[in-house]
PDB file of N, CA and C in Angstrom:
ATOM      1  N   UNK A   1      76.063 100.826  81.263  1.00  0.00           N
ATOM      2  CA  UNK A   1      77.413 100.765  81.810  1.00  0.00           C
ATOM      3  C   UNK A   1      78.393 100.576  80.659  1.00  0.00           C
ATOM      4  N   UNK A   2      79.489 101.285  80.721  1.00  0.00           N
ATOM      5  CA  UNK A   2      80.519 101.157  79.689  1.00  0.00           C
ATOM      6  C   UNK A   2      81.224  99.818  79.797  1.00  0.00           C
ATOM      7  N   UNK A   3      81.707  99.359  78.664  1.00  0.00           N
ATOM      8  CA  UNK A   3      82.505  98.141  78.651  1.00  0.00           C
ATOM      9  C   UNK A   3      83.891  98.433  79.218  1.00  0.00           C
ATOM     10  N   UNK A   4      84.456  97.482  79.906  1.00  0.00           N
ATOM     11  CA  UNK A   4      85.802  97.629  80.459  1.00  0.00           C
ATOM     12  C   UNK A   4      86.806  97.279  79.354  1.00  0.00           C
ATOM     13  N   UNK A   5      87.775  98.159  79.097  1.00  0.00           N
ATOM     14  CA  UNK A   5      88.768  97.873  78.059  1.00  0.00           C
ATOM     15  C   UNK A   5      89.546  96.594  78.385  1.00  0.00           C
ATOM     16  N   UNK A   6      89.892  95.809  77.355  1.00  0.00           N
ATOM     17  CA  UNK A   6      90.584  94.532  77.577  1.00  0.00           C
ATOM     18  C   UNK A   6      91.884  94.667  78.360  1.00  0.00           C
ATOM     19  N   UNK A   7      92.605  95.766  78.168  1.00  0.00           N
ATOM     20  CA  UNK A   7      93.879  95.921  78.880  1.00  0.00           C
ATOM     21  C   UNK A   7      93.665  96.099  80.378  1.00  0.00           C
ATOM     22  N   UNK A   8      92.544  96.698  80.767  1.00  0.00           N
ATOM     23  CA  UNK A   8      92.225  96.845  82.192  1.00  0.00           C
ATOM     24  C   UNK A   8      91.872  95.478  82.779  1.00  0.00           C
ATOM     25  N   UNK A   9      91.089  94.711  82.052  1.00  0.00           N
ATOM     26  CA  UNK A   9      90.723  93.366  82.515  1.00  0.00           C
ATOM     27  C   UNK A   9      91.982  92.520  82.694  1.00  0.00           C
ATOM     28  N   UNK A  10      92.897  92.606  81.724  1.00  0.00           N
ATOM     29  CA  UNK A  10      94.146  91.837  81.814  1.00  0.00           C
ATOM     30  C   UNK A  10      94.948  92.254  83.044  1.00  0.00           C
ATOM     31  N   UNK A  11      95.029  93.563  83.306  1.00  0.00           N
ATOM     32  CA  UNK A  11      95.744  94.043  84.493  1.00  0.00           C
ATOM     33  C   UNK A  11      95.110  93.520  85.777  1.00  0.00           C
ATOM     34  N   UNK A  12      93.778  93.545  85.839  1.00  0.00           N
ATOM     35  CA  UNK A  12      93.089  93.051  87.027  1.00  0.00           C
ATOM     36  C   UNK A  12      93.335  91.562  87.226  1.00  0.00           C
ATOM     37  N   UNK A  13      93.302  90.808  86.144  1.00  0.00           N
ATOM     38  CA  UNK A  13      93.531  89.365  86.244  1.00  0.00           C
ATOM     39  C   UNK A  13      94.966  89.071  86.683  1.00  0.00           C
ATOM     40  N   UNK A  14      95.921  89.856  86.180  1.00  0.00           N
ATOM     41  CA  UNK A  14      97.330  89.637  86.512  1.00  0.00           C
ATOM     42  C   UNK A  14      97.690  90.132  87.912  1.00  0.00           C
ATOM     43  N   UNK A  15      97.189  91.310  88.270  1.00  0.00           N
ATOM     44  CA  UNK A  15      97.641  91.977  89.491  1.00  0.00           C
ATOM     45  C   UNK A  15      96.643  91.971  90.633  1.00  0.00           C
ATOM     46  N   UNK A  16      95.366  91.865  90.320  1.00  0.00           N
ATOM     47  CA  UNK A  16      94.339  91.927  91.343  1.00  0.00           C
ATOM     48  C   UNK A  16      93.960  93.360  91.660  1.00  0.00           C
ATOM     49  N   UNK A  17      93.282  93.530  92.768  1.00  0.00           N
ATOM     50  CA  UNK A  17      92.783  94.831  93.205  1.00  0.00           C
ATOM     51  C   UNK A  17      93.436  95.179  94.534  1.00  0.00           C
ATOM     52  N   UNK A  18      93.957  96.383  94.612  1.00  0.00           N
ATOM     53  CA  UNK A  18      94.570  96.868  95.846  1.00  0.00           C
ATOM     54  C   UNK A  18      93.604  97.836  96.520  1.00  0.00           C
ATOM     55  N   UNK A  19      93.232  97.537  97.741  1.00  0.00           N
ATOM     56  CA  UNK A  19      92.342  98.412  98.501  1.00  0.00           C
ATOM     57  C   UNK A  19      93.155  99.442  99.268  1.00  0.00           C
ATOM     58  N   UNK A  20      92.709 100.700  99.208  1.00  0.00           N
ATOM     59  CA  UNK A  20      93.384 101.785  99.920  1.00  0.00           C
ATOM     60  C   UNK A  20      92.330 102.641 100.608  1.00  0.00           C
ATOM     61  N   UNK A  21      92.757 103.429 101.580  1.00  0.00           N
ATOM     62  CA  UNK A  21      91.836 104.287 102.311  1.00  0.00           C
ATOM     63  C   UNK A  21      91.246 103.575 103.510  1.00  0.00           C
ATOM     64  N   UNK A  22      90.411 104.285 104.232  1.00  0.00           N
ATOM     65  CA  UNK A  22      89.828 103.740 105.450  1.00  0.00           C
ATOM     66  C   UNK A  22      88.968 102.512 105.216  1.00  0.00           C
ATOM     67  N   UNK A  23      88.266 102.469 104.084  1.00  0.00           N
ATOM     68  CA  UNK A  23      87.419 101.319 103.790  1.00  0.00           C
ATOM     69  C   UNK A  23      88.204 100.030 103.663  1.00  0.00           C
ATOM     70  N   UNK A  24      89.475 100.149 103.297  1.00  0.00           N
ATOM     71  CA  UNK A  24      90.320  98.966 103.166  1.00  0.00           C
ATOM     72  C   UNK A  24      90.503  98.253 104.500  1.00  0.00           C
ATOM     73  N   UNK A  25      90.276  98.970 105.592  1.00  0.00           N
ATOM     74  CA  UNK A  25      90.461  98.399 106.921  1.00  0.00           C
ATOM     75  C   UNK A  25      89.222  97.670 107.446  1.00  0.00           C
ATOM     76  N   UNK A  26      88.141  97.695 106.681  1.00  0.00           N
ATOM     77  CA  UNK A  26      86.939  96.977 107.113  1.00  0.00           C
ATOM     78  C   UNK A  26      87.236  95.486 107.169  1.00  0.00           C
ATOM     79  N   UNK A  27      86.994  94.900 108.314  1.00  0.00           N
ATOM     80  CA  UNK A  27      87.303  93.487 108.544  1.00  0.00           C
ATOM     81  C   UNK A  27      86.593  92.593 107.534  1.00  0.00           C
ATOM     82  N   UNK A  28      87.363  91.801 106.810  1.00  0.00           N
ATOM     83  CA  UNK A  28      86.817  90.829 105.886  1.00  0.00           C
ATOM     84  C   UNK A  28      86.491  91.349 104.498  1.00  0.00           C
ATOM     85  N   UNK A  29      86.655  92.650 104.265  1.00  0.00           N
ATOM     86  CA  UNK A  29      86.290  93.213 102.957  1.00  0.00           C
ATOM     87  C   UNK A  29      87.118  92.613 101.823  1.00  0.00           C
ATOM     88  N   UNK A  30      88.415  92.534 101.993  1.00  0.00           N
ATOM     89  CA  UNK A  30      89.274  91.998 100.929  1.00  0.00           C
ATOM     90  C   UNK A  30      88.894  90.557 100.603  1.00  0.00           C
ATOM     91  N   UNK A  31      88.657  89.746 101.623  1.00  0.00           N
ATOM     92  CA  UNK A  31      88.264  88.353 101.398  1.00  0.00           C
ATOM     93  C   UNK A  31      86.918  88.258 100.696  1.00  0.00           C
ATOM     94  N   UNK A  32      85.976  89.080 101.110  1.00  0.00           N
ATOM     95  CA  UNK A  32      84.635  89.056 100.495  1.00  0.00           C
ATOM     96  C   UNK A  32      84.710  89.445  99.026  1.00  0.00           C
ATOM     97  N   UNK A  33      85.423  90.526  98.737  1.00  0.00           N
ATOM     98  CA  UNK A  33      85.556  90.957  97.344  1.00  0.00           C
ATOM     99  C   UNK A  33      86.265  89.902  96.510  1.00  0.00           C
ATOM    100  N   UNK A  34      87.292  89.311  97.078  1.00  0.00           N
ATOM    101  CA  UNK A  34      88.026  88.272  96.366  1.00  0.00           C
ATOM    102  C   UNK A  34      87.114  87.095  96.029  1.00  0.00           C
ATOM    103  N   UNK A  35      86.303  86.693  96.985  1.00  0.00           N
ATOM    104  CA  UNK A  35      85.365  85.580  96.767  1.00  0.00           C
ATOM    105  C   UNK A  35      84.321  85.931  95.713  1.00  0.00           C
ATOM    106  N   UNK A  36      83.792  87.144  95.779  1.00  0.00           N
ATOM    107  CA  UNK A  36      82.728  87.560  94.855  1.00  0.00           C
ATOM    108  C   UNK A  36      83.239  87.787  93.439  1.00  0.00           C
ATOM    109  N   UNK A  37      84.445  88.321  93.323  1.00  0.00           N
ATOM    110  CA  UNK A  37      84.987  88.698  92.014  1.00  0.00           C
ATOM    111  C   UNK A  37      85.909  87.657  91.401  1.00  0.00           C
ATOM    112  N   UNK A  38      86.285  86.680  92.205  1.00  0.00           N
ATOM    113  CA  UNK A  38      87.264  85.677  91.761  1.00  0.00           C
ATOM    114  C   UNK A  38      88.559  86.334  91.280  1.00  0.00           C
ATOM    115  N   UNK A  39      89.003  87.314  92.044  1.00  0.00           N
ATOM    116  CA  UNK A  39      90.252  88.027  91.770  1.00  0.00           C
ATOM    117  C   UNK A  39      91.041  88.133  93.061  1.00  0.00           C
ATOM    118  N   UNK A  40      92.344  88.337  92.922  1.00  0.00           N
ATOM    119  CA  UNK A  40      93.173  88.627  94.095  1.00  0.00           C
ATOM    120  C   UNK A  40      92.817  90.029  94.572  1.00  0.00           C
ATOM    121  N   UNK A  41      92.516  90.175  95.835  1.00  0.00           N
ATOM    122  CA  UNK A  41      92.233  91.474  96.446  1.00  0.00           C
ATOM    123  C   UNK A  41      93.107  91.580  97.682  1.00  0.00           C
ATOM    124  N   UNK A  42      93.825  92.679  97.797  1.00  0.00           N
ATOM    125  CA  UNK A  42      94.726  92.847  98.935  1.00  0.00           C
ATOM    126  C   UNK A  42      94.677  94.278  99.437  1.00  0.00           C
ATOM    127  N   UNK A  43      95.102  94.459 100.665  1.00  0.00           N
ATOM    128  CA  UNK A  43      95.117  95.772 101.308  1.00  0.00           C
ATOM    129  C   UNK A  43      96.501  96.380 101.139  1.00  0.00           C
ATOM    130  N   UNK A  44      96.538  97.640 100.723  1.00  0.00           N
ATOM    131  CA  UNK A  44      97.802  98.358 100.550  1.00  0.00           C
ATOM    132  C   UNK A  44      98.542  98.461 101.873  1.00  0.00           C
ATOM    133  N   UNK A  45      99.848  98.548 101.766  1.00  0.00           N
ATOM    134  CA  UNK A  45     100.643  98.816 102.959  1.00  0.00           C
ATOM    135  C   UNK A  45     100.301 100.226 103.427  1.00  0.00           C
ATOM    136  N   UNK A  46      99.964 100.383 104.660  1.00  0.00           N
ATOM    137  CA  UNK A  46      99.556 101.667 105.250  1.00  0.00           C
ATOM    138  C   UNK A  46      98.450 102.320 104.420  1.00  0.00           C
ATOM    139  N   UNK A  47      97.270 101.680 104.360  1.00  0.00           N
ATOM    140  CA  UNK A  47      96.206 102.141 103.468  1.00  0.00           C
ATOM    141  C   UNK A  47      95.672 103.538 103.762  1.00  0.00           C
ATOM    142  N   UNK A  48      95.840 104.023 104.975  1.00  0.00           N
ATOM    143  CA  UNK A  48      95.319 105.355 105.296  1.00  0.00           C
ATOM    144  C   UNK A  48      96.138 106.488 104.681  1.00  0.00           C
ATOM    145  N   UNK A  49      97.401 106.238 104.392  1.00  0.00           N
ATOM    146  CA  UNK A  49      98.236 107.330 103.864  1.00  0.00           C
ATOM    147  C   UNK A  49      98.869 107.024 102.513  1.00  0.00           C
ATOM    148  N   UNK A  50      98.684 105.835 101.970  1.00  0.00           N
ATOM    149  CA  UNK A  50      99.400 105.460 100.749  1.00  0.00           C
ATOM    150  C   UNK A  50      99.040 106.332  99.555  1.00  0.00           C
ATOM    151  N   UNK A  51      97.789 106.733  99.428  1.00  0.00           N
ATOM    152  CA  UNK A  51      97.390 107.542  98.268  1.00  0.00           C
ATOM    153  C   UNK A  51      98.024 108.924  98.334  1.00  0.00           C
ATOM    154  N   UNK A  52      97.993 109.550  99.486  1.00  0.00           N
ATOM    155  CA  UNK A  52      98.562 110.893  99.595  1.00  0.00           C
ATOM    156  C   UNK A  52     100.088 110.854  99.452  1.00  0.00           C
ATOM    157  N   UNK A  53     100.717 109.795  99.953  1.00  0.00           N
ATOM    158  CA  UNK A  53     102.162 109.683  99.780  1.00  0.00           C
ATOM    159  C   UNK A  53     102.509 109.469  98.310  1.00  0.00           C
ATOM    160  N   UNK A  54     101.740 108.636  97.620  1.00  0.00           N
ATOM    161  CA  UNK A  54     101.966 108.417  96.191  1.00  0.00           C
ATOM    162  C   UNK A  54     101.739 109.675  95.384  1.00  0.00           C
ATOM    163  N   UNK A  55     100.724 110.438  95.748  1.00  0.00           N
ATOM    164  CA  UNK A  55     100.462 111.708  95.067  1.00  0.00           C
ATOM    165  C   UNK A  55     101.637 112.659  95.247  1.00  0.00           C
ATOM    166  N   UNK A  56     102.199 112.692  96.431  1.00  0.00           N
ATOM    167  CA  UNK A  56     103.370 113.535  96.681  1.00  0.00           C
ATOM    168  C   UNK A  56     104.551 113.139  95.813  1.00  0.00           C
ATOM    169  N   UNK A  57     104.762 111.843  95.631  1.00  0.00           N
ATOM    170  CA  UNK A  57     105.859 111.365  94.779  1.00  0.00           C
ATOM    171  C   UNK A  57     105.646 111.830  93.341  1.00  0.00           C
ATOM    172  N   UNK A  58     104.404 111.706  92.859  1.00  0.00           N
ATOM    173  CA  UNK A  58     104.098 112.132  91.487  1.00  0.00           C
ATOM    174  C   UNK A  58     104.305 113.638  91.345  1.00  0.00           C
ATOM    175  N   UNK A  59     103.814 114.415  92.296  1.00  0.00           N
ATOM    176  CA  UNK A  59     103.944 115.867  92.198  1.00  0.00           C
ATOM    177  C   UNK A  59     105.392 116.330  92.305  1.00  0.00           C
ATOM    178  N   UNK A  60     106.211 115.613  93.054  1.00  0.00           N
ATOM    179  CA  UNK A  60     107.630 115.967  93.161  1.00  0.00           C
ATOM    180  C   UNK A  60     108.361 115.789  91.839  1.00  0.00           C
ATOM    181  N   UNK A  61     107.901 114.875  90.996  1.00  0.00           N
ATOM    182  CA  UNK A  61     108.539 114.639  89.695  1.00  0.00           C
ATOM    183  C   UNK A  61     107.452 114.472  88.629  1.00  0.00           C
ATOM    184  N   UNK A  62     106.599 115.493  88.509  1.00  0.00           N
ATOM    185  CA  UNK A  62     105.436 115.425  87.635  1.00  0.00           C
ATOM    186  C   UNK A  62     105.810 115.164  86.178  1.00  0.00           C
ATOM    187  N   UNK A  63     106.907 115.742  85.723  1.00  0.00           N
ATOM    188  CA  UNK A  63     107.318 115.557  84.332  1.00  0.00           C
ATOM    189  C   UNK A  63     107.518 114.072  84.013  1.00  0.00           C
ATOM    190  N   UNK A  64     108.134 113.348  84.908  1.00  0.00           N
ATOM    191  CA  UNK A  64     108.384 111.927  84.699  1.00  0.00           C
ATOM    192  C   UNK A  64     107.105 111.103  84.811  1.00  0.00           C
ATOM    193  N   UNK A  65     106.283 111.380  85.813  1.00  0.00           N
ATOM    194  CA  UNK A  65     105.128 110.534  86.101  1.00  0.00           C
ATOM    195  C   UNK A  65     103.860 110.922  85.352  1.00  0.00           C
ATOM    196  N   UNK A  66     103.787 112.103  84.763  1.00  0.00           N
ATOM    197  CA  UNK A  66     102.544 112.543  84.128  1.00  0.00           C
ATOM    198  C   UNK A  66     102.095 111.606  83.014  1.00  0.00           C
ATOM    199  N   UNK A  67     103.016 110.953  82.344  1.00  0.00           N
ATOM    200  CA  UNK A  67     102.631 110.040  81.255  1.00  0.00           C
ATOM    201  C   UNK A  67     101.933 108.795  81.776  1.00  0.00           C
ATOM    202  N   UNK A  68     102.036 108.521  83.069  1.00  0.00           N
ATOM    203  CA  UNK A  68     101.394 107.349  83.658  1.00  0.00           C
ATOM    204  C   UNK A  68      99.992 107.640  84.166  1.00  0.00           C
ATOM    205  N   UNK A  69      99.618 108.916  84.232  1.00  0.00           N
ATOM    206  CA  UNK A  69      98.316 109.292  84.769  1.00  0.00           C
ATOM    207  C   UNK A  69      97.236 109.047  83.727  1.00  0.00           C
ATOM    208  N   UNK A  70      96.102 108.571  84.166  1.00  0.00           N
ATOM    209  CA  UNK A  70      94.979 108.310  83.267  1.00  0.00           C
ATOM    210  C   UNK A  70      93.757 109.081  83.733  1.00  0.00           C
ATOM    211  N   UNK A  71      92.874 109.364  82.796  1.00  0.00           N
ATOM    212  CA  UNK A  71      91.618 110.006  83.137  1.00  0.00           C
ATOM    213  C   UNK A  71      91.713 111.491  83.365  1.00  0.00           C
ATOM    214  N   UNK A  72      92.822 112.089  82.996  1.00  0.00           N
ATOM    215  CA  UNK A  72      92.970 113.527  83.151  1.00  0.00           C
ATOM    216  C   UNK A  72      92.866 114.198  81.791  1.00  0.00           C
ATOM    217  N   UNK A  73      92.097 115.275  81.729  1.00  0.00           N
ATOM    218  CA  UNK A  73      92.037 116.065  80.523  1.00  0.00           C
ATOM    219  C   UNK A  73      92.905 117.293  80.752  1.00  0.00           C
ATOM    220  N   UNK A  74      93.957 117.392  79.993  1.00  0.00           N
ATOM    221  CA  UNK A  74      94.880 118.517  80.172  1.00  0.00           C
ATOM    222  C   UNK A  74      94.143 119.839  79.949  1.00  0.00           C
ATOM    223  N   UNK A  75      94.364 120.773  80.869  1.00  0.00           N
ATOM    224  CA  UNK A  75      93.782 122.098  80.744  1.00  0.00           C
ATOM    225  C   UNK A  75      92.326 122.160  81.166  1.00  0.00           C
ATOM    226  N   UNK A  76      91.756 121.070  81.581  1.00  0.00           N
ATOM    227  CA  UNK A  76      90.348 121.056  81.961  1.00  0.00           C
ATOM    228  C   UNK A  76      90.204 121.185  83.468  1.00  0.00           C
ATOM    229  N   UNK A  77      89.199 121.909  83.890  1.00  0.00           N
ATOM    230  CA  UNK A  77      88.902 121.995  85.319  1.00  0.00           C
ATOM    231  C   UNK A  77      87.610 121.257  85.628  1.00  0.00           C
ATOM    232  N   UNK A  78      87.099 120.525  84.639  1.00  0.00           N
ATOM    233  CA  UNK A  78      85.862 119.763  84.803  1.00  0.00           C
ATOM    234  C   UNK A  78      86.121 118.561  85.708  1.00  0.00           C
ATOM    235  N   UNK A  79      85.209 118.305  86.615  1.00  0.00           N
ATOM    236  CA  UNK A  79      85.297 117.135  87.497  1.00  0.00           C
ATOM    237  C   UNK A  79      84.240 116.144  87.097  1.00  0.00           C
ATOM    238  N   UNK A  80      84.602 114.858  87.122  1.00  0.00           N
ATOM    239  CA  UNK A  80      83.615 113.824  86.786  1.00  0.00           C
ATOM    240  C   UNK A  80      82.886 113.374  88.014  1.00  0.00           C
TER     241      UNK A  80
END
């Protein structure tokens, strides 16, 4: 397993983990993860649609938001 970069660990410690999607609605999941990880875990507002709405915001102004995207290889069609 790869090591987690220190800046990611710092972000998790400061902000916690936001659950999105249908799995976020599983009863008790956020509390269980919080207990196991000793981190703040919370459910996104409207978890079923928040990712697609956020993606739409980024695509509407891609030039501005593209610098915030991580894990993308420009010009690559390879999927991980």
